[in-house]
């Protein structure tokens, strides 16, 4: 990709965010678009696939603070119309932006500093070097218990890789690609526009530097083919909702010997009917009767290791939280969070005559006690 093509792309528009969008807004926009445009959800839709690639490319730059800063600076400099003439060139003589970048590479604050980080250290680039494959995103849904204990789940993937029929050459069996007659194998062409000379990918060979006269029937000369596979992914214990598990090298294969991208698996968790989670602690609300709260009792509560008995002390007030240490989420350091049990006193909606008489007797026996006496002592 030439410098001109790079800065001409509006990555903010691709993600539908403003130029001052926060990192969180960028990530949220990307996830929404990537989910709707993913090839798995749009099989055979070439437009959606191209849009997915554009969104992924935009996110790769804007999600990285360094790349985003360099991209903004490059667009600002290029769009401002700076460097309209080549140092030392005669009036009206065109210059190549790539040449300018190459010479400015050693000058602090020059164009080379800005474009160097974007284009791999400055200088000309033909786009024919190794290129890292793109990351692939998918999602899995686990039960509450599996998320806490860890689980191995199958993930079905559709990825692109070298065509098996032509081994990635794009040429039919018995033939081979030939050097492009337009760019002579360089992969780029140069065109003049006013006082500028811009290098851009060769349209005849699409920047590959080679052309295929007899395309492979399987991949139609593209050199790549889609493959479906099932990968068993190990989700570690204690994974939180929305957390992503990264599997290096499991994404789209790289080009021209470049490394493969990564597989990013976002974890969703089905809520538990009674248990909740707060960081490494589990939460639980346990109902008890009025008599149990006053006199004390023992209740059975669920944990990850099975039911256990919890002692409720006499005189437990409604809303009191009892802590069962080590009964929460297992941590990587070998420790564990706690189970926090909150006591709820259940008030009966109706009473039998015997129960009502007993309660009235209790009220008479404690008539001298006023639980609201301290409120009368307060001054407003």
Protein backbone atom coordinates (compact mmCIF):
# COMPACT_ATOMS: atom_id res chain seq x y z
CA UNK A 1 0.00 0.00 0.00
CA UNK A 2 1.43 3.39 -0.94
CA UNK A 3 1.61 6.28 1.51
CA UNK A 4 -1.00 8.13 -0.51
CA UNK A 5 -3.43 5.23 -0.42
CA UNK A 6 -2.86 4.76 3.30
CA UNK A 7 -3.61 8.31 4.40
CA UNK A 8 -6.51 8.54 1.93
CA UNK A 9 -8.38 5.87 3.88
CA UNK A 10 -10.75 7.17 6.56
CA UNK A 11 -10.58 4.56 9.29
CA UNK A 12 -12.88 6.58 11.54
CA UNK A 13 -15.61 6.53 8.90
CA UNK A 14 -15.07 2.79 8.40
CA UNK A 15 -15.95 2.19 12.07
CA UNK A 16 -18.58 4.94 12.18
CA UNK A 17 -16.91 6.87 15.03
CA UNK A 18 -15.69 10.44 15.41
CA UNK A 19 -12.02 11.42 15.33
CA UNK A 20 -12.05 12.09 19.08
CA UNK A 21 -13.69 8.74 19.92
CA UNK A 22 -12.34 6.98 22.99
CA UNK A 23 -10.66 3.60 22.86
CA UNK A 24 -13.76 2.06 24.42
CA UNK A 25 -16.05 3.57 21.77
CA UNK A 26 -13.75 2.29 19.01
CA UNK A 27 -13.73 -1.21 20.46
CA UNK A 28 -17.52 -1.19 20.91
CA UNK A 29 -18.08 -0.06 17.32
CA UNK A 30 -15.67 -2.66 15.98
CA UNK A 31 -17.25 -5.55 17.88
CA UNK A 32 -20.72 -4.59 16.65
CA UNK A 33 -19.61 -4.35 13.02
CA UNK A 34 -17.38 -7.44 13.15
CA UNK A 35 -20.22 -9.50 14.57
CA UNK A 36 -22.69 -8.48 11.85
CA UNK A 37 -20.18 -8.66 8.98
CA UNK A 38 -18.32 -11.83 9.94
CA UNK A 39 -18.02 -14.28 7.01
CA UNK A 40 -19.63 -17.02 9.11
CA UNK A 41 -22.83 -14.96 9.22
CA UNK A 42 -22.61 -13.89 5.58
CA UNK A 43 -21.51 -16.94 3.59
CA UNK A 44 -20.88 -16.13 -0.06
CA UNK A 45 -21.39 -12.37 0.45
CA UNK A 46 -18.29 -10.80 -1.11
CA UNK A 47 -19.34 -7.26 -0.18
CA UNK A 48 -19.72 -8.18 3.50
CA UNK A 49 -16.35 -9.92 3.42
CA UNK A 50 -14.62 -6.84 1.98
CA UNK A 51 -16.37 -4.63 4.53
CA UNK A 52 -15.26 -7.00 7.31
CA UNK A 53 -11.65 -6.71 6.10
CA UNK A 54 -11.89 -2.92 5.98
CA UNK A 55 -13.34 -2.76 9.49
CA UNK A 56 -10.61 -5.09 10.80
CA UNK A 57 -7.89 -3.00 9.15
CA UNK A 58 -9.34 0.19 10.65
CA UNK A 59 -9.52 -1.36 14.12
CA UNK A 60 -5.94 -2.65 13.88
CA UNK A 61 -4.72 0.95 13.48
CA UNK A 62 -7.13 2.87 15.73
CA UNK A 63 -7.02 0.42 18.64
CA UNK A 64 -3.25 0.89 18.97
CA UNK A 65 -2.39 4.26 20.53
CA UNK A 66 0.93 4.54 18.69
CA UNK A 67 -0.45 3.60 15.28
CA UNK A 68 -3.44 5.88 15.76
CA UNK A 69 -1.24 8.85 16.63
CA UNK A 70 0.99 8.26 13.60
CA UNK A 71 -2.05 7.81 11.35
CA UNK A 72 -3.60 11.09 12.58
CA UNK A 73 -0.31 12.95 12.11
CA UNK A 74 0.17 11.51 8.63
CA UNK A 75 -3.33 12.51 7.53
CA UNK A 76 -2.87 15.96 9.03
CA UNK A 77 0.43 16.55 7.22
CA UNK A 78 -0.73 15.09 3.93
CA UNK A 79 -4.07 16.84 3.98
CA UNK A 80 -2.48 20.18 4.91
CA UNK A 81 -0.67 20.24 1.57
CA UNK A 82 2.81 20.43 3.07
CA UNK A 83 5.91 19.49 1.09
CA UNK A 84 4.58 20.64 -2.27
CA UNK A 85 8.01 20.70 -3.82
CA UNK A 86 10.96 18.36 -3.64
CA UNK A 87 14.00 19.88 -1.92
CA UNK A 88 16.55 20.65 -4.57
CA UNK A 89 14.17 20.00 -7.49
CA UNK A 90 13.46 22.47 -10.22
CA UNK A 91 10.18 24.31 -10.52
CA UNK A 92 7.40 22.07 -11.70
CA UNK A 93 9.52 18.93 -11.34
CA UNK A 94 7.50 16.10 -9.78
CA UNK A 95 8.75 14.13 -6.84
CA UNK A 96 7.89 10.76 -5.38
CA UNK A 97 6.42 10.84 -1.87
CA UNK A 98 8.18 7.57 -1.16
CA UNK A 99 11.53 9.23 -1.96
CA UNK A 100 10.75 12.04 0.43
CA UNK A 101 9.89 9.59 3.19
CA UNK A 102 13.08 7.66 2.57
CA UNK A 103 15.31 10.73 2.85
CA UNK A 104 13.43 12.11 5.84
CA UNK A 105 13.89 8.92 7.79
CA UNK A 106 16.93 10.25 9.60
CA UNK A 107 15.59 13.72 10.29
CA UNK A 108 13.86 14.19 13.62
CA UNK A 109 10.35 15.49 13.22
CA UNK A 110 10.38 14.92 9.44
CA UNK A 111 7.95 13.01 7.28
CA UNK A 112 10.02 9.91 7.87
CA UNK A 113 9.25 9.95 11.58
CA UNK A 114 5.52 9.94 10.85
CA UNK A 115 5.43 7.49 7.96
CA UNK A 116 8.27 5.34 9.25
CA UNK A 117 6.11 3.73 11.91
CA UNK A 118 3.25 3.23 9.48
CA UNK A 119 5.26 1.75 6.64
CA UNK A 120 7.91 -0.24 8.47
CA UNK A 121 10.78 2.20 8.98
CA UNK A 122 10.47 4.59 6.04
CA UNK A 123 11.66 4.30 2.47
CA UNK A 124 9.92 2.74 -0.50
CA UNK A 125 7.62 -0.20 -0.02
CA UNK A 126 6.45 -2.44 -2.79
CA UNK A 127 3.99 -4.40 -0.68
CA UNK A 128 5.69 -7.68 -1.62
CA UNK A 129 7.33 -8.45 1.72
CA UNK A 130 5.97 -10.80 4.39
CA UNK A 131 2.59 -9.77 5.75
CA UNK A 132 1.00 -10.93 8.98
CA UNK A 133 -2.37 -12.59 8.70
CA UNK A 134 -5.42 -10.91 10.18
CA UNK A 135 -6.88 -11.83 13.54
CA UNK A 136 -10.09 -13.85 13.59
CA UNK A 137 -12.77 -13.18 16.20
CA UNK A 138 -15.45 -15.55 17.40
CA UNK A 139 -17.49 -16.09 20.56
CA UNK A 140 -18.54 -18.95 22.82
CA UNK A 141 -21.21 -19.19 25.50
CA UNK A 142 -20.45 -21.11 28.70
CA UNK A 143 -22.59 -22.10 31.63
CA UNK A 144 -21.92 -20.33 34.91
CA UNK A 145 -20.20 -23.41 36.34
CA UNK A 146 -18.01 -24.05 33.27
CA UNK A 147 -16.83 -20.44 33.32
CA UNK A 148 -15.70 -20.85 36.91
CA UNK A 149 -14.15 -24.29 36.55
CA UNK A 150 -12.73 -23.88 33.03
CA UNK A 151 -13.83 -25.89 30.01
CA UNK A 152 -12.75 -27.10 26.58
CA UNK A 153 -15.25 -26.06 23.93
CA UNK A 154 -15.36 -26.76 20.17
CA UNK A 155 -15.22 -23.65 17.96
CA UNK A 156 -16.16 -23.87 14.30
CA UNK A 157 -14.04 -21.58 12.11
CA UNK A 158 -14.07 -20.50 8.50
CA UNK A 159 -10.65 -19.20 7.51
CA UNK A 160 -8.76 -18.49 4.32
CA UNK A 161 -5.44 -20.10 3.48
CA UNK A 162 -3.28 -21.16 0.56
CA UNK A 163 -5.25 -23.09 -2.03
CA UNK A 164 -4.40 -26.77 -1.80
CA UNK A 165 -4.84 -27.38 -5.53
CA UNK A 166 -2.26 -24.81 -6.68
CA UNK A 167 -0.35 -24.46 -3.39
CA UNK A 168 -1.12 -20.78 -3.28
CA UNK A 169 0.28 -19.85 -6.70
CA UNK A 170 -3.11 -19.24 -8.30
CA UNK A 171 -1.98 -20.98 -11.48
CA UNK A 172 -3.47 -24.16 -12.92
CA UNK A 173 -1.53 -27.41 -12.69
CA UNK A 174 1.38 -27.51 -15.11
CA UNK A 175 1.59 -23.71 -15.37
CA UNK A 176 3.21 -20.99 -13.30
CA UNK A 177 2.65 -17.26 -12.68
CA UNK A 178 4.62 -14.85 -14.87
CA UNK A 179 6.18 -11.50 -14.17
CA UNK A 180 3.70 -8.67 -14.63
CA UNK A 181 4.36 -6.84 -17.88
CA UNK A 182 2.99 -3.56 -16.51
CA UNK A 183 5.08 -3.13 -13.35
CA UNK A 184 7.82 -5.61 -14.36
CA UNK A 185 7.50 -7.50 -11.11
CA UNK A 186 7.74 -4.44 -8.82
CA UNK A 187 4.11 -4.67 -7.71
CA UNK A 188 3.74 -0.87 -7.91
CA UNK A 189 3.40 1.75 -10.63
CA UNK A 190 4.19 5.46 -10.53
CA UNK A 191 1.94 8.13 -11.95
CA UNK A 192 2.34 11.91 -12.11
CA UNK A 193 -0.28 14.30 -10.82
CA UNK A 194 0.64 17.97 -10.96
CA UNK A 195 3.89 18.40 -9.10
CA UNK A 196 3.69 14.99 -7.46
CA UNK A 197 4.61 11.48 -8.50
CA UNK A 198 2.74 8.82 -6.52
CA UNK A 199 3.53 5.14 -6.23
CA UNK A 200 0.55 2.82 -5.91
CA UNK A 201 -0.17 -0.88 -6.25
CA UNK A 202 -0.15 -2.08 -9.84
CA UNK A 203 -3.73 -2.52 -11.03
CA UNK A 204 -2.80 -5.16 -13.58
CA UNK A 205 -1.44 -7.59 -10.97
CA UNK A 206 -3.05 -6.05 -7.87
CA UNK A 207 0.35 -5.37 -6.34
CA UNK A 208 1.56 -8.96 -6.55
CA UNK A 209 4.14 -8.39 -9.28
CA UNK A 210 2.93 -11.53 -11.06
CA UNK A 211 0.07 -12.42 -13.35
CA UNK A 212 -1.66 -15.74 -13.92
CA UNK A 213 -2.56 -16.60 -17.49
CA UNK A 214 -4.26 -19.94 -16.72
CA UNK A 215 -6.03 -19.57 -13.36
CA UNK A 216 -6.49 -22.48 -10.97
CA UNK A 217 -10.01 -23.85 -11.31
CA UNK A 218 -10.37 -24.28 -7.55
CA UNK A 219 -9.45 -20.80 -6.36
CA UNK A 220 -9.96 -18.99 -9.69
CA UNK A 221 -6.45 -17.62 -9.63
CA UNK A 222 -6.67 -16.07 -6.18
CA UNK A 223 -4.25 -18.52 -4.59
CA UNK A 224 -6.40 -18.77 -1.48
CA UNK A 225 -9.39 -20.84 -0.51
CA UNK A 226 -11.83 -20.91 2.38
CA UNK A 227 -11.64 -23.84 4.73
CA UNK A 228 -13.88 -24.88 7.59
CA UNK A 229 -12.47 -26.50 10.68
CA UNK A 230 -13.37 -27.24 14.27
CA UNK A 231 -10.88 -26.20 16.93
CA UNK A 232 -11.05 -27.26 20.57
CA UNK A 233 -10.41 -24.16 22.67
CA UNK A 234 -9.46 -24.41 26.32
CA UNK A 235 -11.09 -21.63 28.33
CA UNK A 236 -9.24 -21.14 31.64
CA UNK A 237 -11.03 -21.34 34.97
CA UNK A 238 -12.43 -18.15 36.41
CA UNK A 239 -12.96 -16.45 33.05
CA UNK A 240 -15.13 -13.35 33.33
CA UNK A 241 -18.01 -12.24 31.13
CA UNK A 242 -16.69 -10.48 28.01
CA UNK A 243 -13.12 -11.63 28.54
CA UNK A 244 -11.22 -12.66 25.41
CA UNK A 245 -9.00 -15.71 25.08
CA UNK A 246 -6.18 -15.26 22.56
CA UNK A 247 -4.78 -18.23 20.64
CA UNK A 248 -1.62 -17.09 18.82
CA UNK A 249 -1.21 -18.23 15.24
CA UNK A 250 -4.76 -19.58 14.88
CA UNK A 251 -6.06 -16.74 12.72
CA UNK A 252 -5.78 -16.11 9.00
CA UNK A 253 -2.49 -17.39 7.49
CA UNK A 254 0.08 -14.72 6.62
CA UNK A 255 1.09 -13.77 3.10
CA UNK A 256 4.47 -14.26 1.49
CA UNK A 257 5.88 -16.09 4.47
CA UNK A 258 4.41 -13.76 7.10
CA UNK A 259 3.13 -15.12 10.44
CA UNK A 260 -0.49 -16.09 10.90
CA UNK A 261 -2.86 -13.88 12.85
CA UNK A 262 -4.42 -14.82 16.18
CA UNK A 263 -7.78 -16.27 17.13
CA UNK A 264 -9.66 -14.12 19.65
CA UNK A 265 -12.48 -15.90 21.47
CA UNK A 266 -14.92 -13.69 23.40
CA UNK A 267 -16.57 -15.52 26.30
CA UNK A 268 -20.25 -15.08 27.19
CA UNK A 269 -21.63 -16.65 30.35
CA UNK A 270 -25.17 -17.84 31.04
CA UNK A 271 -26.43 -16.37 34.35
CA UNK A 272 -26.91 -18.76 37.29
CA UNK A 273 -30.42 -18.92 38.81
CA UNK A 274 -29.23 -18.13 42.37
CA UNK A 275 -25.48 -17.49 42.37
CA UNK A 276 -23.92 -14.21 41.34
CA UNK A 277 -20.36 -13.05 40.91
CA UNK A 278 -18.41 -10.03 42.13
CA UNK A 279 -14.81 -10.23 40.88
CA UNK A 280 -13.43 -13.36 42.58
CA UNK A 281 -16.27 -13.64 45.09
CA UNK A 282 -19.56 -15.47 44.59
CA UNK A 283 -22.77 -14.03 46.01
CA UNK A 284 -25.91 -15.74 47.27
CA UNK A 285 -29.09 -14.63 49.00
CA UNK A 286 -30.56 -17.10 51.50
CA UNK A 287 -34.09 -16.69 52.95
CA UNK A 288 -34.69 -17.58 56.63
CA UNK A 289 -37.77 -17.32 58.84
CA UNK A 290 -38.12 -14.76 61.63
CA UNK A 291 -37.67 -17.47 64.25
CA UNK A 292 -34.51 -18.79 62.54
CA UNK A 293 -33.01 -15.31 62.41
CA UNK A 294 -33.75 -14.75 66.12
CA UNK A 295 -32.83 -18.18 67.47
CA UNK A 296 -30.13 -19.09 64.93
CA UNK A 297 -30.12 -22.04 62.55
CA UNK A 298 -28.12 -24.04 60.01
CA UNK A 299 -28.90 -23.84 56.30
CA UNK A 300 -27.62 -25.75 53.28
CA UNK A 301 -26.14 -23.57 50.52
CA UNK A 302 -24.76 -24.49 47.05
CA UNK A 303 -21.05 -24.08 46.25
CA UNK A 304 -18.78 -25.10 43.37
CA UNK A 305 -17.76 -28.18 45.34
CA UNK A 306 -21.31 -29.20 46.23
CA UNK A 307 -23.76 -28.29 49.01
CA UNK A 308 -22.30 -27.20 52.37
CA UNK A 309 -23.83 -26.24 55.71
CA UNK A 310 -23.77 -22.61 56.85
CA UNK A 311 -24.38 -21.60 60.46
CA UNK A 312 -26.64 -18.56 60.92
CA UNK A 313 -25.87 -17.04 64.35
CA UNK A 314 -28.72 -16.15 66.74
CA UNK A 315 -29.91 -12.56 66.37
CA UNK A 316 -28.90 -12.26 62.69
CA UNK A 317 -30.36 -9.06 61.27
CA UNK A 318 -31.95 -8.97 57.79
CA UNK A 319 -29.38 -8.05 55.14
CA UNK A 320 -26.40 -9.31 57.11
CA UNK A 321 -23.74 -10.93 54.89
CA UNK A 322 -21.93 -14.04 56.10
CA UNK A 323 -18.59 -14.90 54.50
CA UNK A 324 -17.53 -18.45 53.64
CA UNK A 325 -13.82 -18.16 52.88
CA UNK A 326 -12.30 -19.99 49.94
CA UNK A 327 -15.66 -20.95 48.43
CA UNK A 328 -15.47 -18.47 45.54
CA UNK A 329 -13.65 -18.30 42.20
CA UNK A 330 -10.26 -19.99 41.89
CA UNK A 331 -7.43 -17.55 41.07
CA UNK A 332 -4.32 -18.13 38.98
CA UNK A 333 -2.13 -17.84 42.08
CA UNK A 334 -3.82 -20.88 43.62
CA UNK A 335 -6.01 -18.91 46.01
CA UNK A 336 -9.75 -18.46 45.82
CA UNK A 337 -12.37 -15.83 46.50
CA UNK A 338 -15.15 -16.18 49.05
CA UNK A 339 -18.84 -17.02 49.01
CA UNK A 340 -20.83 -14.06 50.36
CA UNK A 341 -24.20 -15.17 51.74
CA UNK A 342 -26.72 -12.41 52.45
CA UNK A 343 -29.53 -13.31 54.87
CA UNK A 344 -33.10 -12.38 53.94
CA UNK A 345 -35.79 -12.63 56.62
CA UNK A 346 -39.04 -13.86 55.11
CA UNK A 347 -42.20 -12.26 56.50
CA UNK A 348 -45.22 -14.62 56.32
CA UNK A 349 -48.20 -13.26 54.40
CA UNK A 350 -50.71 -15.18 56.55
CA UNK A 351 -50.68 -16.92 59.95
CA UNK A 352 -52.63 -19.72 61.57
CA UNK A 353 -54.56 -18.88 64.74
CA UNK A 354 -51.95 -20.75 66.79
CA UNK A 355 -49.04 -18.91 65.17
CA UNK A 356 -50.79 -15.57 65.53
CA UNK A 357 -51.46 -16.19 69.22
CA UNK A 358 -47.84 -17.15 69.79
CA UNK A 359 -46.63 -14.01 68.01
CA UNK A 360 -49.00 -11.82 70.02
CA UNK A 361 -47.61 -13.40 73.15
CA UNK A 362 -44.09 -12.55 72.00
CA UNK A 363 -45.16 -8.96 71.31
CA UNK A 364 -46.62 -8.66 74.80
CA UNK A 365 -43.47 -10.10 76.36
CA UNK A 366 -41.29 -7.51 74.59
CA UNK A 367 -43.64 -4.56 74.89
CA UNK A 368 -41.07 -2.61 76.91
CA UNK A 369 -38.52 -2.71 74.13
CA UNK A 370 -38.68 0.08 71.56
CA UNK A 371 -36.40 -0.50 68.51
CA UNK A 372 -37.03 3.10 67.40
CA UNK A 373 -36.10 4.80 70.64
CA UNK A 374 -32.83 6.17 69.23
CA UNK A 375 -34.75 8.06 66.54
CA UNK A 376 -36.53 10.17 69.19
CA UNK A 377 -33.17 11.37 70.50
CA UNK A 378 -32.06 12.81 67.16
CA UNK A 379 -32.23 16.56 66.52
CA UNK A 380 -33.05 17.84 63.05
